[in-house]
Amino acid sequence: MPEASSVIFSFADNMKGELYARLWDAYDKLEYTERMMLAQRLGFCFDCRSTFYMDYDDLDEYGDPKKKPIKPMMYTDIATDHEYSSANTAHNKCEKALDKIRKAMKNLI
């Protein structure tokens, strides 16, 4: 018979996995530009959703590229990247996208 603590941890891991799956499902339902802007703002890769990148210009002592975190972009940089007139526009778009995710998550619970 498994210990109670291991059962609790496996239940928590299952719930965590389910929560992540639902979160990414809600994210995938956003428009392309909303997904791109959130990835830039929150600091993860748009394509693979990783929070790290391999810096091939900065090698470690073994000659391998260093793993570095993706830095979140400022709203001014996001606005420039998407050709918006101001950082407030980028901020509002990101907030609306986050609201859509919040609503989708509330509907799933």
PDB file of N, CA and C in Angstrom:
ATOM      1  N   MET A   1       0.849  -1.176   0.000  1.00  0.00           N
ATOM      2  CA  MET A   1       0.000   0.000   0.000  1.00  0.00           C
ATOM      3  C   MET A   1       0.900   1.247   0.000  1.00  0.00           C
ATOM      4  N   PRO A   2       0.685   2.188  -0.909  1.00  0.00           N
ATOM      5  CA  PRO A   2       1.537   3.370  -0.979  1.00  0.00           C
ATOM      6  C   PRO A   2       1.322   4.283   0.228  1.00  0.00           C
ATOM      7  N   GLU A   3       2.388   5.004   0.562  1.00  0.00           N
ATOM      8  CA  GLU A   3       2.302   5.949   1.670  1.00  0.00           C
ATOM      9  C   GLU A   3       1.383   7.105   1.294  1.00  0.00           C
ATOM     10  N   ALA A   4       0.799   7.718   2.305  1.00  0.00           N
ATOM     11  CA  ALA A   4      -0.133   8.826   2.077  1.00  0.00           C
ATOM     12  C   ALA A   4       0.556  10.007   1.428  1.00  0.00           C
ATOM     13  N   SER A   5       1.804  10.276   1.822  1.00  0.00           N
ATOM     14  CA  SER A   5       2.515  11.425   1.249  1.00  0.00           C
ATOM     15  C   SER A   5       2.790  11.231  -0.236  1.00  0.00           C
ATOM     16  N   SER A   6       3.098  10.016  -0.656  1.00  0.00           N
ATOM     17  CA  SER A   6       3.349   9.775  -2.082  1.00  0.00           C
ATOM     18  C   SER A   6       2.067   9.883  -2.891  1.00  0.00           C
ATOM     19  N   VAL A   7       0.937   9.469  -2.306  1.00  0.00           N
ATOM     20  CA  VAL A   7      -0.347   9.588  -2.983  1.00  0.00           C
ATOM     21  C   VAL A   7      -0.708  11.057  -3.147  1.00  0.00           C
ATOM     22  N   ILE A   8      -0.475  11.853  -2.120  1.00  0.00           N
ATOM     23  CA  ILE A   8      -0.771  13.282  -2.184  1.00  0.00           C
ATOM     24  C   ILE A   8       0.090  13.957  -3.238  1.00  0.00           C
ATOM     25  N   PHE A   9       1.392  13.619  -3.273  1.00  0.00           N
ATOM     26  CA  PHE A   9       2.277  14.231  -4.261  1.00  0.00           C
ATOM     27  C   PHE A   9       1.907  13.822  -5.680  1.00  0.00           C
ATOM     28  N   SER A  10       1.532  12.566  -5.891  1.00  0.00           N
ATOM     29  CA  SER A  10       1.156  12.150  -7.242  1.00  0.00           C
ATOM     30  C   SER A  10      -0.152  12.816  -7.662  1.00  0.00           C
ATOM     31  N   PHE A  11      -1.076  12.994  -6.715  1.00  0.00           N
ATOM     32  CA  PHE A  11      -2.321  13.706  -7.009  1.00  0.00           C
ATOM     33  C   PHE A  11      -2.019  15.159  -7.368  1.00  0.00           C
ATOM     34  N   ALA A  12      -1.126  15.791  -6.603  1.00  0.00           N
ATOM     35  CA  ALA A  12      -0.755  17.188  -6.868  1.00  0.00           C
ATOM     36  C   ALA A  12      -0.071  17.310  -8.223  1.00  0.00           C
ATOM     37  N   ASP A  13       0.784  16.352  -8.565  1.00  0.00           N
ATOM     38  CA  ASP A  13       1.448  16.376  -9.876  1.00  0.00           C
ATOM     39  C   ASP A  13       0.439  16.229 -11.004  1.00  0.00           C
ATOM     40  N   ASN A  14      -0.550  15.357 -10.823  1.00  0.00           N
ATOM     41  CA  ASN A  14      -1.586  15.182 -11.840  1.00  0.00           C
ATOM     42  C   ASN A  14      -2.405  16.452 -12.012  1.00  0.00           C
ATOM     43  N   MET A  15      -2.761  17.087 -10.909  1.00  0.00           N
ATOM     44  CA  MET A  15      -3.528  18.330 -10.965  1.00  0.00           C
ATOM     45  C   MET A  15      -2.723  19.438 -11.622  1.00  0.00           C
ATOM     46  N   LYS A  16      -1.448  19.491 -11.299  1.00  0.00           N
ATOM     47  CA  LYS A  16      -0.563  20.499 -11.892  1.00  0.00           C
ATOM     48  C   LYS A  16      -0.466  20.292 -13.400  1.00  0.00           C
ATOM     49  N   GLY A  17      -0.312  19.055 -13.821  1.00  0.00           N
ATOM     50  CA  GLY A  17      -0.251  18.751 -15.248  1.00  0.00           C
ATOM     51  C   GLY A  17      -1.543  19.108 -15.961  1.00  0.00           C
ATOM     52  N   GLU A  18      -2.663  18.814 -15.323  1.00  0.00           N
ATOM     53  CA  GLU A  18      -3.964  19.151 -15.906  1.00  0.00           C
ATOM     54  C   GLU A  18      -4.135  20.663 -16.003  1.00  0.00           C
ATOM     55  N   LEU A  19      -3.712  21.383 -14.977  1.00  0.00           N
ATOM     56  CA  LEU A  19      -3.805  22.837 -14.989  1.00  0.00           C
ATOM     57  C   LEU A  19      -2.961  23.427 -16.117  1.00  0.00           C
ATOM     58  N   TYR A  20      -1.736  22.928 -16.276  1.00  0.00           N
ATOM     59  CA  TYR A  20      -0.874  23.402 -17.365  1.00  0.00           C
ATOM     60  C   TYR A  20      -1.491  23.105 -18.729  1.00  0.00           C
ATOM     61  N   ALA A  21      -2.050  21.924 -18.880  1.00  0.00           N
ATOM     62  CA  ALA A  21      -2.672  21.561 -20.160  1.00  0.00           C
ATOM     63  C   ALA A  21      -3.822  22.505 -20.486  1.00  0.00           C
ATOM     64  N   ARG A  22      -4.637  22.798 -19.501  1.00  0.00           N
ATOM     65  CA  ARG A  22      -5.765  23.709 -19.726  1.00  0.00           C
ATOM     66  C   ARG A  22      -5.299  25.137 -19.984  1.00  0.00           C
ATOM     67  N   LEU A  23      -4.242  25.534 -19.296  1.00  0.00           N
ATOM     68  CA  LEU A  23      -3.683  26.871 -19.509  1.00  0.00           C
ATOM     69  C   LEU A  23      -3.176  27.020 -20.940  1.00  0.00           C
ATOM     70  N   TRP A  24      -2.434  26.021 -21.431  1.00  0.00           N
ATOM     71  CA  TRP A  24      -1.921  26.097 -22.793  1.00  0.00           C
ATOM     72  C   TRP A  24      -3.046  26.000 -23.815  1.00  0.00           C
ATOM     73  N   ASP A  25      -4.100  25.252 -23.518  1.00  0.00           N
ATOM     74  CA  ASP A  25      -5.259  25.204 -24.414  1.00  0.00           C
ATOM     75  C   ASP A  25      -5.899  26.583 -24.535  1.00  0.00           C
ATOM     76  N   ALA A  26      -6.047  27.269 -23.402  1.00  0.00           N
ATOM     77  CA  ALA A  26      -6.612  28.625 -23.423  1.00  0.00           C
ATOM     78  C   ALA A  26      -5.690  29.574 -24.180  1.00  0.00           C
ATOM     79  N   TYR A  27      -4.386  29.410 -24.004  1.00  0.00           N
ATOM     80  CA  TYR A  27      -3.404  30.237 -24.711  1.00  0.00           C
ATOM     81  C   TYR A  27      -3.492  29.999 -26.219  1.00  0.00           C
ATOM     82  N   ASP A  28      -3.643  28.743 -26.618  1.00  0.00           N
ATOM     83  CA  ASP A  28      -3.704  28.404 -28.044  1.00  0.00           C
ATOM     84  C   ASP A  28      -4.930  28.977 -28.736  1.00  0.00           C
ATOM     85  N   LYS A  29      -5.976  29.283 -27.993  1.00  0.00           N
ATOM     86  CA  LYS A  29      -7.196  29.833 -28.580  1.00  0.00           C
ATOM     87  C   LYS A  29      -7.103  31.335 -28.839  1.00  0.00           C
ATOM     88  N   LEU A  30      -6.038  31.971 -28.359  1.00  0.00           N
ATOM     89  CA  LEU A  30      -5.855  33.401 -28.616  1.00  0.00           C
ATOM     90  C   LEU A  30      -5.472  33.629 -30.067  1.00  0.00           C
ATOM     91  N   GLU A  31      -5.618  34.862 -30.523  1.00  0.00           N
ATOM     92  CA  GLU A  31      -5.170  35.227 -31.866  1.00  0.00           C
ATOM     93  C   GLU A  31      -3.640  35.173 -31.921  1.00  0.00           C
ATOM     94  N   TYR A  32      -3.128  35.064 -33.126  1.00  0.00           N
ATOM     95  CA  TYR A  32      -1.688  34.949 -33.331  1.00  0.00           C
ATOM     96  C   TYR A  32      -0.914  36.093 -32.667  1.00  0.00           C
ATOM     97  N   THR A  33      -1.348  37.335 -32.908  1.00  0.00           N
ATOM     98  CA  THR A  33      -0.616  38.478 -32.350  1.00  0.00           C
ATOM     99  C   THR A  33      -0.714  38.511 -30.828  1.00  0.00           C
ATOM    100  N   GLU A  34      -1.843  38.100 -30.276  1.00  0.00           N
ATOM    101  CA  GLU A  34      -1.978  38.058 -28.818  1.00  0.00           C
ATOM    102  C   GLU A  34      -1.013  37.035 -28.222  1.00  0.00           C
ATOM    103  N   ARG A  35      -0.913  35.871 -28.870  1.00  0.00           N
ATOM    104  CA  ARG A  35       0.022  34.848 -28.394  1.00  0.00           C
ATOM    105  C   ARG A  35       1.458  35.342 -28.471  1.00  0.00           C
ATOM    106  N   MET A  36       1.799  35.996 -29.582  1.00  0.00           N
ATOM    107  CA  MET A  36       3.160  36.498 -29.759  1.00  0.00           C
ATOM    108  C   MET A  36       3.493  37.559 -28.707  1.00  0.00           C
ATOM    109  N   MET A  37       2.567  38.480 -28.483  1.00  0.00           N
ATOM    110  CA  MET A  37       2.813  39.557 -27.529  1.00  0.00           C
ATOM    111  C   MET A  37       2.924  39.024 -26.099  1.00  0.00           C
ATOM    112  N   LEU A  38       2.100  38.057 -25.731  1.00  0.00           N
ATOM    113  CA  LEU A  38       2.210  37.478 -24.397  1.00  0.00           C
ATOM    114  C   LEU A  38       3.518  36.727 -24.213  1.00  0.00           C
ATOM    115  N   ALA A  39       3.942  36.008 -25.236  1.00  0.00           N
ATOM    116  CA  ALA A  39       5.224  35.306 -25.155  1.00  0.00           C
ATOM    117  C   ALA A  39       6.360  36.308 -24.960  1.00  0.00           C
ATOM    118  N   GLN A  40       6.314  37.403 -25.687  1.00  0.00           N
ATOM    119  CA  GLN A  40       7.348  38.421 -25.542  1.00  0.00           C
ATOM    120  C   GLN A  40       7.298  39.059 -24.163  1.00  0.00           C
ATOM    121  N   ARG A  41       6.116  39.377 -23.690  1.00  0.00           N
ATOM    122  CA  ARG A  41       5.971  40.060 -22.404  1.00  0.00           C
ATOM    123  C   ARG A  41       6.320  39.163 -21.222  1.00  0.00           C
ATOM    124  N   LEU A  42       5.927  37.881 -21.298  1.00  0.00           N
ATOM    125  CA  LEU A  42       6.151  36.975 -20.184  1.00  0.00           C
ATOM    126  C   LEU A  42       7.504  36.264 -20.245  1.00  0.00           C
ATOM    127  N   GLY A  43       8.188  36.354 -21.379  1.00  0.00           N
ATOM    128  CA  GLY A  43       9.540  35.812 -21.484  1.00  0.00           C
ATOM    129  C   GLY A  43       9.614  34.323 -21.754  1.00  0.00           C
ATOM    130  N   PHE A  44       8.888  33.852 -22.758  1.00  0.00           N
ATOM    131  CA  PHE A  44       9.043  32.470 -23.190  1.00  0.00           C
ATOM    132  C   PHE A  44       9.035  32.420 -24.714  1.00  0.00           C
ATOM    133  N   CYS A  45       9.547  31.322 -25.254  1.00  0.00           N
ATOM    134  CA  CYS A  45       9.658  31.155 -26.701  1.00  0.00           C
ATOM    135  C   CYS A  45       8.268  30.920 -27.298  1.00  0.00           C
ATOM    136  N   PHE A  46       7.956  31.663 -28.321  1.00  0.00           N
ATOM    137  CA  PHE A  46       6.664  31.542 -28.996  1.00  0.00           C
ATOM    138  C   PHE A  46       6.499  30.163 -29.629  1.00  0.00           C
ATOM    139  N   ASP A  47       7.569  29.610 -30.165  1.00  0.00           N
ATOM    140  CA  ASP A  47       7.490  28.339 -30.883  1.00  0.00           C
ATOM    141  C   ASP A  47       7.485  27.118 -29.965  1.00  0.00           C
ATOM    142  N   CYS A  48       8.438  27.063 -29.025  1.00  0.00           N
ATOM    143  CA  CYS A  48       8.569  25.857 -28.199  1.00  0.00           C
ATOM    144  C   CYS A  48       8.123  26.049 -26.754  1.00  0.00           C
ATOM    145  N   ARG A  49       7.811  27.293 -26.390  1.00  0.00           N
ATOM    146  CA  ARG A  49       7.315  27.648 -25.053  1.00  0.00           C
ATOM    147  C   ARG A  49       8.347  27.461 -23.952  1.00  0.00           C
ATOM    148  N   SER A  50       9.591  27.378 -24.309  1.00  0.00           N
ATOM    149  CA  SER A  50      10.659  27.279 -23.322  1.00  0.00           C
ATOM    150  C   SER A  50      10.941  28.652 -22.735  1.00  0.00           C
ATOM    151  N   THR A  51      11.414  28.671 -21.512  1.00  0.00           N
ATOM    152  CA  THR A  51      11.790  29.942 -20.886  1.00  0.00           C
ATOM    153  C   THR A  51      13.291  30.186 -20.981  1.00  0.00           C
ATOM    154  N   PHE A  52      14.000  29.289 -21.683  1.00  0.00           N
ATOM    155  CA  PHE A  52      15.440  29.419 -21.860  1.00  0.00           C
ATOM    156  C   PHE A  52      15.807  29.360 -23.333  1.00  0.00           C
ATOM    157  N   TYR A  53      16.978  29.884 -23.658  1.00  0.00           N
ATOM    158  CA  TYR A  53      17.530  29.748 -25.000  1.00  0.00           C
ATOM    159  C   TYR A  53      19.003  29.391 -24.884  1.00  0.00           C
ATOM    160  N   MET A  54      19.535  28.838 -25.934  1.00  0.00           N
ATOM    161  CA  MET A  54      20.946  28.463 -25.961  1.00  0.00           C
ATOM    162  C   MET A  54      21.727  29.579 -26.650  1.00  0.00           C
ATOM    163  N   ASP A  55      22.672  30.177 -25.919  1.00  0.00           N
ATOM    164  CA  ASP A  55      23.479  31.277 -26.441  1.00  0.00           C
ATOM    165  C   ASP A  55      24.754  30.702 -27.057  1.00  0.00           C
ATOM    166  N   TYR A  56      24.779  30.612 -28.379  1.00  0.00           N
ATOM    167  CA  TYR A  56      25.921  30.016 -29.073  1.00  0.00           C
ATOM    168  C   TYR A  56      27.103  30.975 -29.160  1.00  0.00           C
ATOM    169  N   ASP A  57      26.912  32.216 -28.771  1.00  0.00           N
ATOM    170  CA  ASP A  57      28.022  33.175 -28.731  1.00  0.00           C
ATOM    171  C   ASP A  57      28.737  33.149 -27.390  1.00  0.00           C
ATOM    172  N   ASP A  58      28.128  32.578 -26.374  1.00  0.00           N
ATOM    173  CA  ASP A  58      28.691  32.495 -25.032  1.00  0.00           C
ATOM    174  C   ASP A  58      28.827  31.024 -24.674  1.00  0.00           C
ATOM    175  N   LEU A  59      30.053  30.500 -24.785  1.00  0.00           N
ATOM    176  CA  LEU A  59      30.286  29.081 -24.558  1.00  0.00           C
ATOM    177  C   LEU A  59      30.850  28.829 -23.172  1.00  0.00           C
ATOM    178  N   ASP A  60      30.544  27.641 -22.628  1.00  0.00           N
ATOM    179  CA  ASP A  60      31.108  27.287 -21.327  1.00  0.00           C
ATOM    180  C   ASP A  60      32.505  26.701 -21.510  1.00  0.00           C
ATOM    181  N   GLU A  61      33.085  26.212 -20.433  1.00  0.00           N
ATOM    182  CA  GLU A  61      34.470  25.711 -20.489  1.00  0.00           C
ATOM    183  C   GLU A  61      34.621  24.471 -21.352  1.00  0.00           C
ATOM    184  N   TYR A  62      33.512  23.798 -21.694  1.00  0.00           N
ATOM    185  CA  TYR A  62      33.560  22.612 -22.546  1.00  0.00           C
ATOM    186  C   TYR A  62      33.230  22.920 -24.003  1.00  0.00           C
ATOM    187  N   GLY A  63      32.985  24.187 -24.305  1.00  0.00           N
ATOM    188  CA  GLY A  63      32.665  24.587 -25.661  1.00  0.00           C
ATOM    189  C   GLY A  63      31.189  24.467 -26.012  1.00  0.00           C
ATOM    190  N   ASP A  64      30.360  24.172 -25.031  1.00  0.00           N
ATOM    191  CA  ASP A  64      28.929  24.061 -25.255  1.00  0.00           C
ATOM    192  C   ASP A  64      28.260  25.411 -25.020  1.00  0.00           C
ATOM    193  N   PRO A  65      27.177  25.704 -25.752  1.00  0.00           N
ATOM    194  CA  PRO A  65      26.484  26.980 -25.530  1.00  0.00           C
ATOM    195  C   PRO A  65      25.839  27.026 -24.151  1.00  0.00           C
ATOM    196  N   LYS A  66      25.814  28.212 -23.568  1.00  0.00           N
ATOM    197  CA  LYS A  66      25.208  28.379 -22.248  1.00  0.00           C
ATOM    198  C   LYS A  66      23.695  28.532 -22.378  1.00  0.00           C
ATOM    199  N   LYS A  67      23.009  27.971 -21.399  1.00  0.00           N
ATOM    200  CA  LYS A  67      21.553  28.073 -21.338  1.00  0.00           C
ATOM    201  C   LYS A  67      21.207  29.331 -20.549  1.00  0.00           C
ATOM    202  N   LYS A  68      20.479  30.249 -21.179  1.00  0.00           N
ATOM    203  CA  LYS A  68      20.159  31.522 -20.548  1.00  0.00           C
ATOM    204  C   LYS A  68      18.644  31.749 -20.562  1.00  0.00           C
ATOM    205  N   PRO A  69      18.129  32.438 -19.543  1.00  0.00           N
ATOM    206  CA  PRO A  69      16.682  32.713 -19.525  1.00  0.00           C
ATOM    207  C   PRO A  69      16.296  33.753 -20.569  1.00  0.00           C
ATOM    208  N   ILE A  70      15.109  33.603 -21.123  1.00  0.00           N
ATOM    209  CA  ILE A  70      14.576  34.597 -22.050  1.00  0.00           C
ATOM    210  C   ILE A  70      14.052  35.754 -21.223  1.00  0.00           C
ATOM    211  N   LYS A  71      14.514  36.942 -21.518  1.00  0.00           N
ATOM    212  CA  LYS A  71      14.095  38.107 -20.754  1.00  0.00           C
ATOM    213  C   LYS A  71      12.762  38.635 -21.291  1.00  0.00           C
ATOM    214  N   PRO A  72      11.850  38.963 -20.372  1.00  0.00           N
ATOM    215  CA  PRO A  72      10.585  39.570 -20.801  1.00  0.00           C
ATOM    216  C   PRO A  72      10.835  40.928 -21.456  1.00  0.00           C
ATOM    217  N   MET A  73      10.064  41.230 -22.488  1.00  0.00           N
ATOM    218  CA  MET A  73      10.218  42.503 -23.188  1.00  0.00           C
ATOM    219  C   MET A  73       9.366  43.576 -22.515  1.00  0.00           C
ATOM    220  N   MET A  74       9.824  44.808 -22.619  1.00  0.00           N
ATOM    221  CA  MET A  74       9.061  45.956 -22.131  1.00  0.00           C
ATOM    222  C   MET A  74       7.945  46.233 -23.141  1.00  0.00           C
ATOM    223  N   TYR A  75       6.896  46.900 -22.672  1.00  0.00           N
ATOM    224  CA  TYR A  75       5.773  47.222 -23.560  1.00  0.00           C
ATOM    225  C   TYR A  75       6.205  48.141 -24.710  1.00  0.00           C
ATOM    226  N   THR A  76       7.170  49.014 -24.452  1.00  0.00           N
ATOM    227  CA  THR A  76       7.639  49.898 -25.533  1.00  0.00           C
ATOM    228  C   THR A  76       8.282  49.087 -26.655  1.00  0.00           C
ATOM    229  N   ASP A  77       9.057  48.066 -26.279  1.00  0.00           N
ATOM    230  CA  ASP A  77       9.691  47.215 -27.294  1.00  0.00           C
ATOM    231  C   ASP A  77       8.663  46.368 -28.038  1.00  0.00           C
ATOM    232  N   ILE A  78       7.668  45.894 -27.322  1.00  0.00           N
ATOM    233  CA  ILE A  78       6.603  45.105 -27.965  1.00  0.00           C
ATOM    234  C   ILE A  78       5.830  45.986 -28.943  1.00  0.00           C
ATOM    235  N   ALA A  79       5.532  47.216 -28.521  1.00  0.00           N
ATOM    236  CA  ALA A  79       4.810  48.150 -29.398  1.00  0.00           C
ATOM    237  C   ALA A  79       5.610  48.423 -30.662  1.00  0.00           C
ATOM    238  N   THR A  80       6.907  48.611 -30.527  1.00  0.00           N
ATOM    239  CA  THR A  80       7.766  48.850 -31.695  1.00  0.00           C
ATOM    240  C   THR A  80       7.787  47.623 -32.601  1.00  0.00           C
ATOM    241  N   ASP A  81       7.901  46.453 -32.004  1.00  0.00           N
ATOM    242  CA  ASP A  81       7.964  45.208 -32.767  1.00  0.00           C
ATOM    243  C   ASP A  81       6.687  44.959 -33.566  1.00  0.00           C
ATOM    244  N   HIS A  82       5.543  45.349 -33.011  1.00  0.00           N
ATOM    245  CA  HIS A  82       4.259  45.119 -33.676  1.00  0.00           C
ATOM    246  C   HIS A  82       3.715  46.371 -34.355  1.00  0.00           C
ATOM    247  N   GLU A  83       4.528  47.396 -34.410  1.00  0.00           N
ATOM    248  CA  GLU A  83       4.203  48.654 -35.090  1.00  0.00           C
ATOM    249  C   GLU A  83       2.960  49.330 -34.515  1.00  0.00           C
ATOM    250  N   TYR A  84       2.836  49.313 -33.185  1.00  0.00           N
ATOM    251  CA  TYR A  84       1.768  50.049 -32.511  1.00  0.00           C
ATOM    252  C   TYR A  84       2.259  51.447 -32.187  1.00  0.00           C
ATOM    253  N   SER A  85       1.331  52.359 -31.973  1.00  0.00           N
ATOM    254  CA  SER A  85       1.691  53.762 -31.771  1.00  0.00           C
ATOM    255  C   SER A  85       2.275  54.041 -30.398  1.00  0.00           C
ATOM    256  N   SER A  86       1.904  53.241 -29.391  1.00  0.00           N
ATOM    257  CA  SER A  86       2.418  53.518 -28.051  1.00  0.00           C
ATOM    258  C   SER A  86       2.513  52.237 -27.229  1.00  0.00           C
ATOM    259  N   ALA A  87       3.220  52.361 -26.119  1.00  0.00           N
ATOM    260  CA  ALA A  87       3.349  51.231 -25.198  1.00  0.00           C
ATOM    261  C   ALA A  87       2.010  50.909 -24.545  1.00  0.00           C
ATOM    262  N   ASN A  88       1.152  51.921 -24.389  1.00  0.00           N
ATOM    263  CA  ASN A  88      -0.169  51.682 -23.802  1.00  0.00           C
ATOM    264  C   ASN A  88      -1.009  50.739 -24.660  1.00  0.00           C
ATOM    265  N   THR A  89      -0.868  50.854 -25.959  1.00  0.00           N
ATOM    266  CA  THR A  89      -1.599  49.957 -26.860  1.00  0.00           C
ATOM    267  C   THR A  89      -1.144  48.518 -26.651  1.00  0.00           C
ATOM    268  N   ALA A  90       0.166  48.304 -26.568  1.00  0.00           N
ATOM    269  CA  ALA A  90       0.695  46.959 -26.330  1.00  0.00           C
ATOM    270  C   ALA A  90       0.250  46.445 -24.966  1.00  0.00           C
ATOM    271  N   HIS A  91       0.271  47.318 -23.966  1.00  0.00           N
ATOM    272  CA  HIS A  91      -0.171  46.943 -22.625  1.00  0.00           C
ATOM    273  C   HIS A  91      -1.642  46.518 -22.641  1.00  0.00           C
ATOM    274  N   ASN A  92      -2.484  47.297 -23.289  1.00  0.00           N
ATOM    275  CA  ASN A  92      -3.917  46.984 -23.358  1.00  0.00           C
ATOM    276  C   ASN A  92      -4.173  45.667 -24.084  1.00  0.00           C
ATOM    277  N   LYS A  93      -3.444  45.419 -25.177  1.00  0.00           N
ATOM    278  CA  LYS A  93      -3.601  44.163 -25.930  1.00  0.00           C
ATOM    279  C   LYS A  93      -3.208  42.966 -25.055  1.00  0.00           C
ATOM    280  N   CYS A  94      -2.103  43.100 -24.315  1.00  0.00           N
ATOM    281  CA  CYS A  94      -1.659  42.009 -23.443  1.00  0.00           C
ATOM    282  C   CYS A  94      -2.661  41.778 -22.320  1.00  0.00           C
ATOM    283  N   GLU A  95      -3.175  42.844 -21.744  1.00  0.00           N
ATOM    284  CA  GLU A  95      -4.166  42.701 -20.672  1.00  0.00           C
ATOM    285  C   GLU A  95      -5.446  42.044 -21.176  1.00  0.00           C
ATOM    286  N   LYS A  96      -5.886  42.411 -22.376  1.00  0.00           N
ATOM    287  CA  LYS A  96      -7.080  41.774 -22.949  1.00  0.00           C
ATOM    288  C   LYS A  96      -6.846  40.287 -23.205  1.00  0.00           C
ATOM    289  N   ALA A  97      -5.646  39.945 -23.672  1.00  0.00           N
ATOM    290  CA  ALA A  97      -5.309  38.543 -23.904  1.00  0.00           C
ATOM    291  C   ALA A  97      -5.288  37.776 -22.584  1.00  0.00           C
ATOM    292  N   LEU A  98      -4.726  38.366 -21.542  1.00  0.00           N
ATOM    293  CA  LEU A  98      -4.719  37.719 -20.231  1.00  0.00           C
ATOM    294  C   LEU A  98      -6.135  37.560 -19.683  1.00  0.00           C
ATOM    295  N   ASP A  99      -6.989  38.545 -19.924  1.00  0.00           N
ATOM    296  CA  ASP A  99      -8.390  38.435 -19.503  1.00  0.00           C
ATOM    297  C   ASP A  99      -9.085  37.277 -20.216  1.00  0.00           C
ATOM    298  N   LYS A 100      -8.789  37.087 -21.504  1.00  0.00           N
ATOM    299  CA  LYS A 100      -9.367  35.960 -22.242  1.00  0.00           C
ATOM    300  C   LYS A 100      -8.925  34.629 -21.639  1.00  0.00           C
ATOM    301  N   ILE A 101      -7.659  34.564 -21.248  1.00  0.00           N
ATOM    302  CA  ILE A 101      -7.153  33.331 -20.631  1.00  0.00           C
ATOM    303  C   ILE A 101      -7.825  33.119 -19.273  1.00  0.00           C
ATOM    304  N   ARG A 102      -7.955  34.177 -18.494  1.00  0.00           N
ATOM    305  CA  ARG A 102      -8.621  34.068 -17.190  1.00  0.00           C
ATOM    306  C   ARG A 102     -10.061  33.564 -17.344  1.00  0.00           C
ATOM    307  N   LYS A 103     -10.780  34.132 -18.307  1.00  0.00           N
ATOM    308  CA  LYS A 103     -12.164  33.698 -18.536  1.00  0.00           C
ATOM    309  C   LYS A 103     -12.240  32.245 -18.978  1.00  0.00           C
ATOM    310  N   ALA A 104     -11.312  31.845 -19.853  1.00  0.00           N
ATOM    311  CA  ALA A 104     -11.303  30.462 -20.323  1.00  0.00           C
ATOM    312  C   ALA A 104     -10.986  29.516 -19.165  1.00  0.00           C
ATOM    313  N   MET A 105     -10.087  29.920 -18.285  1.00  0.00           N
ATOM    314  CA  MET A 105      -9.737  29.078 -17.138  1.00  0.00           C
ATOM    315  C   MET A 105     -10.899  28.983 -16.157  1.00  0.00           C
ATOM    316  N   LYS A 106     -11.620  30.083 -15.953  1.00  0.00           N
ATOM    317  CA  LYS A 106     -12.780  30.060 -15.048  1.00  0.00           C
ATOM    318  C   LYS A 106     -13.868  29.142 -15.599  1.00  0.00           C
ATOM    319  N   ASN A 107     -14.038  29.142 -16.911  1.00  0.00           N
ATOM    320  CA  ASN A 107     -15.060  28.282 -17.527  1.00  0.00           C
ATOM    321  C   ASN A 107     -14.709  26.802 -17.409  1.00  0.00           C
ATOM    322  N   LEU A 108     -13.424  26.496 -17.292  1.00  0.00           N
ATOM    323  CA  LEU A 108     -13.000  25.099 -17.203  1.00  0.00           C
ATOM    324  C   LEU A 108     -13.102  24.560 -15.789  1.00  0.00           C
ATOM    325  N   ILE A 109     -13.076  25.442 -14.833  1.00  0.00           N
ATOM    326  CA  ILE A 109     -13.069  24.986 -13.430  1.00  0.00           C
ATOM    327  C   ILE A 109     -14.473  24.741 -12.928  1.00  0.00           C
TER     328      ILE A 109
END
